[in-house]
Structure formats: C-alpha cells, structure tokens
C-alpha cells in the first residue's frame, strides 16, 4: 500500500461530496502532492472519463475560480498568453478535510505567483508519479509498495551529518523528488526495486548538480539512507524534462558526464550501473515506456537498458 492511502470506509462516513469529488480530493492525500492538472487527474482517477468534465468538477471545488478558501485553488502561470494549462492546488478547506481522514497534509496553497521553471519541474514530478501508478495498474506483476515525494518529505527529510573539520559539524538534508519501492512477482520471493527519482529541467549548474549528487552518495555511505527508508537497495533514476527534444538530449549527455566525473573522483566507478538516465515529455501517459522499455543509459555506457534491470546496490 502506498503512503497516504485512504481506507475506503473512511469516505463512507463523510457527507456532502459526490463520488467524483471524493476521488479528486483523495488523490491529493494518496499521492502526497500539492497540485494536479485536469489531465493528470483524469488519467489517474478517470481514465475512461472526460477531461472537460473532470476540469469542471475541480473548478467547482475551487469555488468557481481562484479562491484559496475552498477545497482547491485554481491557478496558472502569470501573464501566460492564450489558453494555458490550469493547475489545481490543495486549498485550506481541502487540507483540513483530508486531515479529518487521518492524512497529515503539511501544506496548503496560498495565492502566489509561480515561475515557469518551478511549475515545469513540479509538473513533471507529478506526471512521473501518476505514470508510475498507471504502470502498476496495467502490469499486475508489479506492486507499488510505498512512495514518498519531496513535497511530503520537506518537513522531515533524510539527512546525514558531515564534519568538514574537527570543530565543525554540518547536517545536510537530502530530498528525492520521488522515492518509490516496487515489488515484481518472481517465484516465491518477489524482486524488490527501490528507486530514487530526480527530474532535471536544465536549471542546475554543473557545480550544483555534482554537489547534490555527492550528498546523495554520502547519504548512502553513512548508512542514513537505509535507516530512513528501511531498505538497502537503490537505483538512481534521472529524468530530463527540458522543453525541447534537442535540449533534452544535450542535457542528458551532460548529466551522464558530470555523474561519471563524480564517481571517478570518489573512486566509485563500480557504482555506475546504479545510475539510469532518460528523458520525460508530455506524452508519458500515452506510452509508459519509462517503465516498460529499455530507454535508460548509464553514465559510462550508451547501451539502453530498462529501469528494472539489475543490479542494485
């Protein structure tokens, strides 16, 4: 059962919502994300439904507009021309309502402007998480055991202590965009896959990317990863989501090179198979190839492999 799942009987004791509204509100708690688009929600909860219908229901839950005091808050990019995509965030009533169901939602959405880069990154994170749920729904050999998102981990993140000198100690927080644990049927003992998923939209410099990478590696080497997630295995999955295909391919190559350099400097070349790199785009829902096909490469090899190929650490 994934983190934040709401028992069905909990909904039966609540009144005032239609079944469609219940499905929409519960999704925020079950996936632990602050917002969805109507497309995300339709794919996740209403695959045979109409996106226009789902958008209308979500707009009603937002009070018919951009109202922070309702169950949802509708917003979009400021100054965006034309018919741009709307996002629906959890409003104050939505947060409070989910808390009555036993879901400790750490945030609610105040009215503020969002940068394009922030929305691009977060929307790809949410799409990857929704696609993962769609994948296990279509492939019964896989079971999604648990998920954790950066949105929910921000209050109590994984961390380790670093001592740059005898007199100084630093505590470093290390937060994945998504952490997911899956099981695949395999005889009497299922195979377990723990994945640390990062979405890269091309905004991090080489210095920042490598610093974050070193922190992730040190989280594992200090045993704090296993302590926090209660598992030793891990596969790092980097998904490049820059706006154009050419940009994605260039960025993909750079991330692989930067990762290979870090592993070489830390004498960890044997960790290279633990890192997978691929791209992500707006057509993810239509193919799910990230989870079904060999579309990943490692830092030091162009040979395409699948996300669920071994080894893991």
Protein backbone atom coordinates (compact mmCIF):
# COMPACT_ATOMS: atom_id res chain seq x y z
CA UNK A 1 0.00 0.00 0.00
CA UNK A 2 1.44 3.36 -0.96
CA UNK A 3 1.99 6.10 1.60
CA UNK A 4 -1.12 8.09 2.46
CA UNK A 5 -3.69 5.60 1.16
CA UNK A 6 -7.18 6.36 2.49
CA UNK A 7 -9.29 3.39 3.63
CA UNK A 8 -12.47 3.29 1.57
CA UNK A 9 -14.66 3.09 4.65
CA UNK A 10 -13.32 6.47 5.80
CA UNK A 11 -15.12 8.13 2.89
CA UNK A 12 -18.45 6.46 3.58
CA UNK A 13 -18.79 8.32 6.85
CA UNK A 14 -18.37 11.72 5.17
CA UNK A 15 -21.24 13.55 3.54
CA UNK A 16 -21.60 16.41 1.12
CA UNK A 17 -19.34 15.16 -1.68
CA UNK A 18 -20.15 13.26 -4.83
CA UNK A 19 -18.12 10.14 -5.62
CA UNK A 20 -16.24 12.12 -8.27
CA UNK A 21 -15.34 14.86 -5.79
CA UNK A 22 -14.22 12.23 -3.28
CA UNK A 23 -11.92 10.64 -5.88
CA UNK A 24 -10.40 14.01 -6.70
CA UNK A 25 -9.79 15.11 -3.12
CA UNK A 26 -8.45 11.71 -2.04
CA UNK A 27 -5.84 11.78 -4.83
CA UNK A 28 -4.05 14.71 -3.18
CA UNK A 29 -3.71 12.73 0.03
CA UNK A 30 -2.88 9.39 -1.54
CA UNK A 31 -0.09 10.71 -3.78
CA UNK A 32 1.04 13.45 -1.36
CA UNK A 33 1.36 16.17 -3.97
CA UNK A 34 0.18 19.79 -3.76
CA UNK A 35 -1.45 20.10 -7.18
CA UNK A 36 -2.66 18.37 -10.34
CA UNK A 37 -3.79 19.43 -13.78
CA UNK A 38 -7.13 18.17 -15.07
CA UNK A 39 -5.16 15.91 -17.42
CA UNK A 40 -3.22 14.38 -14.52
CA UNK A 41 -6.38 13.78 -12.53
CA UNK A 42 -8.29 12.32 -15.46
CA UNK A 43 -5.52 9.83 -16.20
CA UNK A 44 -5.12 8.88 -12.56
CA UNK A 45 -8.74 8.52 -11.48
CA UNK A 46 -10.96 8.70 -14.57
CA UNK A 47 -9.18 7.03 -17.48
CA UNK A 48 -12.45 6.42 -19.28
CA UNK A 49 -13.84 9.82 -18.38
CA UNK A 50 -13.79 13.24 -19.95
CA UNK A 51 -11.07 15.73 -19.08
CA UNK A 52 -13.54 18.56 -19.61
CA UNK A 53 -15.88 17.00 -17.04
CA UNK A 54 -13.07 16.50 -14.52
CA UNK A 55 -11.87 20.07 -15.06
CA UNK A 56 -15.39 21.37 -14.38
CA UNK A 57 -15.66 19.41 -11.11
CA UNK A 58 -12.22 20.60 -9.98
CA UNK A 59 -13.19 24.19 -10.82
CA UNK A 60 -16.32 23.79 -8.67
CA UNK A 61 -14.17 22.51 -5.80
CA UNK A 62 -12.11 25.68 -6.26
CA UNK A 63 -15.22 27.77 -5.76
CA UNK A 64 -15.59 28.51 -9.44
CA UNK A 65 -12.34 30.44 -9.58
CA UNK A 66 -9.02 31.16 -7.90
CA UNK A 67 -10.18 31.06 -4.28
CA UNK A 68 -7.77 29.96 -1.53
CA UNK A 69 -10.60 29.39 0.95
CA UNK A 70 -12.11 26.47 -0.96
CA UNK A 71 -11.14 22.83 -1.26
CA UNK A 72 -8.96 23.53 -4.27
CA UNK A 73 -7.22 26.60 -5.64
CA UNK A 74 -7.03 27.07 -9.41
CA UNK A 75 -4.07 28.95 -10.82
CA UNK A 76 -1.86 29.30 -13.87
CA UNK A 77 1.34 30.90 -14.99
CA UNK A 78 1.18 34.70 -14.64
CA UNK A 79 0.98 36.63 -17.88
CA UNK A 80 0.74 33.43 -19.94
CA UNK A 81 -0.86 34.19 -23.32
CA UNK A 82 -3.69 32.15 -24.77
CA UNK A 83 -5.41 29.07 -23.40
CA UNK A 84 -2.71 27.88 -20.99
CA UNK A 85 -2.95 24.86 -18.69
CA UNK A 86 -4.54 25.44 -15.30
CA UNK A 87 -3.24 23.84 -12.10
CA UNK A 88 -5.42 22.85 -9.18
CA UNK A 89 -3.75 23.00 -5.77
CA UNK A 90 -4.98 21.88 -2.39
CA UNK A 91 -6.78 24.79 -0.70
CA UNK A 92 -7.19 25.36 3.02
CA UNK A 93 -10.52 23.51 3.21
CA UNK A 94 -9.09 20.65 1.21
CA UNK A 95 -6.14 20.35 3.56
CA UNK A 96 -8.36 20.46 6.63
CA UNK A 97 -10.78 17.96 5.16
CA UNK A 98 -8.04 15.43 4.38
CA UNK A 99 -6.68 15.84 7.89
CA UNK A 100 -10.04 14.73 9.27
CA UNK A 101 -9.44 11.49 7.38
CA UNK A 102 -6.12 10.96 9.13
CA UNK A 103 -3.88 12.39 6.39
CA UNK A 104 -1.37 14.85 7.80
CA UNK A 105 -1.07 17.29 4.93
CA UNK A 106 1.83 19.62 5.66
CA UNK A 107 0.90 22.33 3.22
CA UNK A 108 -1.90 24.30 1.71
CA UNK A 109 -1.70 26.60 -1.27
CA UNK A 110 -1.65 30.33 -0.72
CA UNK A 111 -2.19 32.69 -3.62
CA UNK A 112 1.20 33.49 -5.16
CA UNK A 113 2.95 33.63 -8.48
CA UNK A 114 4.76 30.59 -9.79
CA UNK A 115 7.79 30.69 -12.04
CA UNK A 116 7.78 28.72 -15.26
CA UNK A 117 10.76 26.64 -14.10
CA UNK A 118 9.09 25.68 -10.82
CA UNK A 119 5.88 24.59 -12.49
CA UNK A 120 7.72 22.74 -15.26
CA UNK A 121 9.77 20.78 -12.74
CA UNK A 122 6.92 20.02 -10.35
CA UNK A 123 4.51 19.10 -13.14
CA UNK A 124 6.98 16.53 -14.49
CA UNK A 125 7.49 15.13 -10.99
CA UNK A 126 3.73 14.71 -10.63
CA UNK A 127 3.41 13.20 -14.12
CA UNK A 128 6.15 10.66 -13.33
CA UNK A 129 4.34 9.69 -10.13
CA UNK A 130 0.95 9.41 -11.85
CA UNK A 131 2.54 7.36 -14.66
CA UNK A 132 4.05 5.01 -12.08
CA UNK A 133 0.57 4.40 -10.63
CA UNK A 134 -0.79 3.83 -14.14
CA UNK A 135 2.01 1.36 -14.86
CA UNK A 136 1.34 -0.86 -11.84
CA UNK A 137 -2.37 -0.72 -12.65
CA UNK A 138 -1.71 -2.09 -16.14
CA UNK A 139 1.02 -4.58 -15.22
CA UNK A 140 -0.20 -6.81 -12.37
CA UNK A 141 3.22 -8.46 -11.90
CA UNK A 142 4.32 -5.20 -10.29
CA UNK A 143 3.07 -3.85 -6.98
CA UNK A 144 3.73 -0.34 -5.70
CA UNK A 145 4.64 -0.87 -2.06
CA UNK A 146 5.40 2.69 -0.99
CA UNK A 147 6.04 6.16 -2.37
CA UNK A 148 7.42 9.33 -0.84
CA UNK A 149 7.54 12.73 -2.52
CA UNK A 150 9.72 15.77 -1.95
CA UNK A 151 6.57 17.74 -1.15
CA UNK A 152 5.80 15.49 1.83
CA UNK A 153 9.42 14.86 2.88
CA UNK A 154 10.29 18.56 3.16
CA UNK A 155 9.16 18.73 6.79
CA UNK A 156 11.21 15.70 7.90
CA UNK A 157 13.79 14.88 5.22
CA UNK A 158 16.52 12.23 5.11
CA UNK A 159 19.76 13.73 6.47
CA UNK A 160 23.29 12.94 7.46
CA UNK A 161 25.97 14.69 9.47
CA UNK A 162 29.14 15.87 7.74
CA UNK A 163 32.31 17.00 9.53
CA UNK A 164 34.42 19.27 7.29
CA UNK A 165 36.76 19.77 10.28
CA UNK A 166 37.15 18.54 13.84
CA UNK A 167 35.50 21.67 15.19
CA UNK A 168 32.60 21.85 12.73
CA UNK A 169 29.66 19.55 12.02
CA UNK A 170 27.05 20.17 9.36
CA UNK A 171 23.69 18.45 8.95
CA UNK A 172 22.78 18.02 5.29
CA UNK A 173 19.23 17.32 4.11
CA UNK A 174 18.90 15.11 1.04
CA UNK A 175 15.42 15.00 -0.53
CA UNK A 176 14.41 12.96 -3.60
CA UNK A 177 11.78 14.26 -5.99
CA UNK A 178 10.20 10.80 -5.70
CA UNK A 179 11.24 7.73 -3.77
CA UNK A 180 9.37 4.59 -4.76
CA UNK A 181 9.56 0.95 -3.75
CA UNK A 182 8.07 -1.69 -6.06
CA UNK A 183 7.86 -5.47 -5.98
CA UNK A 184 7.80 -7.73 -9.03
CA UNK A 185 6.42 -11.26 -8.86
CA UNK A 186 9.32 -13.71 -9.06
CA UNK A 187 8.66 -17.22 -7.78
CA UNK A 188 8.23 -17.47 -4.03
CA UNK A 189 10.30 -14.35 -3.34
CA UNK A 190 9.35 -11.13 -5.16
CA UNK A 191 12.06 -8.87 -6.59
CA UNK A 192 12.27 -5.52 -4.84
CA UNK A 193 13.14 -2.26 -6.62
CA UNK A 194 13.84 0.90 -4.63
CA UNK A 195 14.11 3.94 -6.88
CA UNK A 196 15.37 7.44 -6.16
CA UNK A 197 13.82 9.54 -8.94
CA UNK A 198 15.03 13.02 -9.87
CA UNK A 199 13.54 15.29 -12.56
CA UNK A 200 16.04 17.64 -14.18
CA UNK A 201 14.79 20.62 -16.20
CA UNK A 202 18.17 22.05 -17.11
CA UNK A 203 18.34 24.77 -14.45
CA UNK A 204 21.11 23.36 -12.24
CA UNK A 205 24.71 24.27 -12.92
CA UNK A 206 27.39 21.60 -13.04
CA UNK A 207 28.60 22.66 -9.59
CA UNK A 208 25.15 22.38 -8.01
CA UNK A 209 24.29 19.11 -9.74
CA UNK A 210 27.53 17.47 -8.59
CA UNK A 211 27.18 18.81 -5.04
CA UNK A 212 23.69 17.31 -4.78
CA UNK A 213 24.93 14.06 -6.29
CA UNK A 214 27.73 13.82 -3.73
CA UNK A 215 25.20 14.42 -0.95
CA UNK A 216 23.03 11.55 -2.23
CA UNK A 217 26.01 9.25 -2.39
CA UNK A 218 27.10 10.20 1.13
CA UNK A 219 23.60 9.63 2.46
CA UNK A 220 24.03 6.02 1.38
CA UNK A 221 27.64 5.64 2.53
CA UNK A 222 26.79 6.93 6.01
CA UNK A 223 24.01 4.30 6.26
CA UNK A 224 21.40 7.02 6.80
CA UNK A 225 19.59 6.09 3.57
CA UNK A 226 18.96 2.53 4.80
CA UNK A 227 17.99 3.85 8.22
CA UNK A 228 15.45 6.34 6.83
CA UNK A 229 13.87 4.22 4.08
CA UNK A 230 14.30 0.86 5.81
CA UNK A 231 15.92 -0.71 2.77
CA UNK A 232 19.49 -1.01 1.45
CA UNK A 233 18.90 -1.30 -2.30
CA UNK A 234 18.65 1.72 -4.58
CA UNK A 235 18.59 2.75 -8.23
CA UNK A 236 19.06 6.42 -9.09
CA UNK A 237 16.77 7.45 -11.93
CA UNK A 238 17.34 10.82 -13.60
CA UNK A 239 14.65 12.10 -15.96
CA UNK A 240 15.45 15.09 -18.15
CA UNK A 241 12.42 17.28 -18.86
CA UNK A 242 13.68 20.34 -20.72
CA UNK A 243 11.18 21.94 -23.16
CA UNK A 244 12.54 20.59 -26.49
CA UNK A 245 13.88 17.21 -27.60
CA UNK A 246 17.24 18.63 -28.70
CA UNK A 247 17.67 20.32 -25.32
CA UNK A 248 16.82 17.06 -23.55
CA UNK A 249 19.44 15.09 -25.45
CA UNK A 250 22.17 17.67 -24.82
CA UNK A 251 21.30 17.86 -21.14
CA UNK A 252 21.18 14.07 -20.87
CA UNK A 253 24.73 13.79 -22.14
CA UNK A 254 25.97 16.45 -19.74
CA UNK A 255 24.37 14.82 -16.69
CA UNK A 256 25.96 11.49 -17.57
CA UNK A 257 29.36 13.12 -17.96
CA UNK A 258 29.04 15.05 -14.68
CA UNK A 259 28.00 11.88 -12.87
CA UNK A 260 30.87 9.85 -14.32
CA UNK A 261 33.31 12.55 -13.18
CA UNK A 262 32.00 12.45 -9.60
CA UNK A 263 32.14 8.66 -9.46
CA UNK A 264 35.71 8.70 -10.76
CA UNK A 265 36.80 11.35 -8.25
CA UNK A 266 35.23 9.36 -5.39
CA UNK A 267 36.71 6.05 -6.66
CA UNK A 268 33.19 4.69 -7.09
CA UNK A 269 33.26 3.65 -10.75
CA UNK A 270 31.60 0.36 -9.78
CA UNK A 271 28.51 2.38 -8.78
CA UNK A 272 27.89 3.40 -12.39
CA UNK A 273 25.24 0.67 -13.05
CA UNK A 274 23.16 2.12 -10.21
CA UNK A 275 22.50 5.30 -12.21
CA UNK A 276 19.93 5.44 -15.03
CA UNK A 277 19.31 8.43 -17.30
CA UNK A 278 16.43 9.04 -19.68
CA UNK A 279 14.07 11.79 -20.85
CA UNK A 280 10.50 12.65 -20.00
CA UNK A 281 7.95 14.59 -22.05
CA UNK A 282 4.25 15.41 -22.21
CA UNK A 283 3.44 12.12 -23.96
CA UNK A 284 4.48 9.96 -20.99
CA UNK A 285 0.92 8.86 -20.21
CA UNK A 286 0.33 7.53 -23.72
CA UNK A 287 3.19 5.03 -23.76
CA UNK A 288 4.57 4.43 -20.23
CA UNK A 289 7.80 3.43 -21.96
CA UNK A 290 9.85 4.65 -18.99
CA UNK A 291 8.67 1.57 -17.13
CA UNK A 292 8.24 -0.93 -19.95
CA UNK A 293 11.08 -0.41 -22.46
CA UNK A 294 14.89 -0.20 -22.45
CA UNK A 295 15.16 3.61 -22.65
CA UNK A 296 17.78 4.27 -19.95
CA UNK A 297 21.54 4.57 -20.24
CA UNK A 298 24.20 4.61 -17.54
CA UNK A 299 26.92 7.24 -17.03
CA UNK A 300 29.54 5.23 -18.91
CA UNK A 301 27.52 3.28 -21.48
CA UNK A 302 25.22 4.19 -24.37
CA UNK A 303 23.61 0.74 -24.33
CA UNK A 304 19.93 1.15 -23.49
CA UNK A 305 18.61 -0.81 -20.52
CA UNK A 306 15.32 -0.96 -18.66
CA UNK A 307 14.60 0.77 -15.38
CA UNK A 308 14.04 -2.56 -13.64
CA UNK A 309 17.19 -4.29 -14.79
CA UNK A 310 19.72 -5.25 -12.15
CA UNK A 311 21.99 -4.58 -10.34
CA UNK A 312 21.00 -2.52 -7.34
CA UNK A 313 23.33 -1.57 -4.52
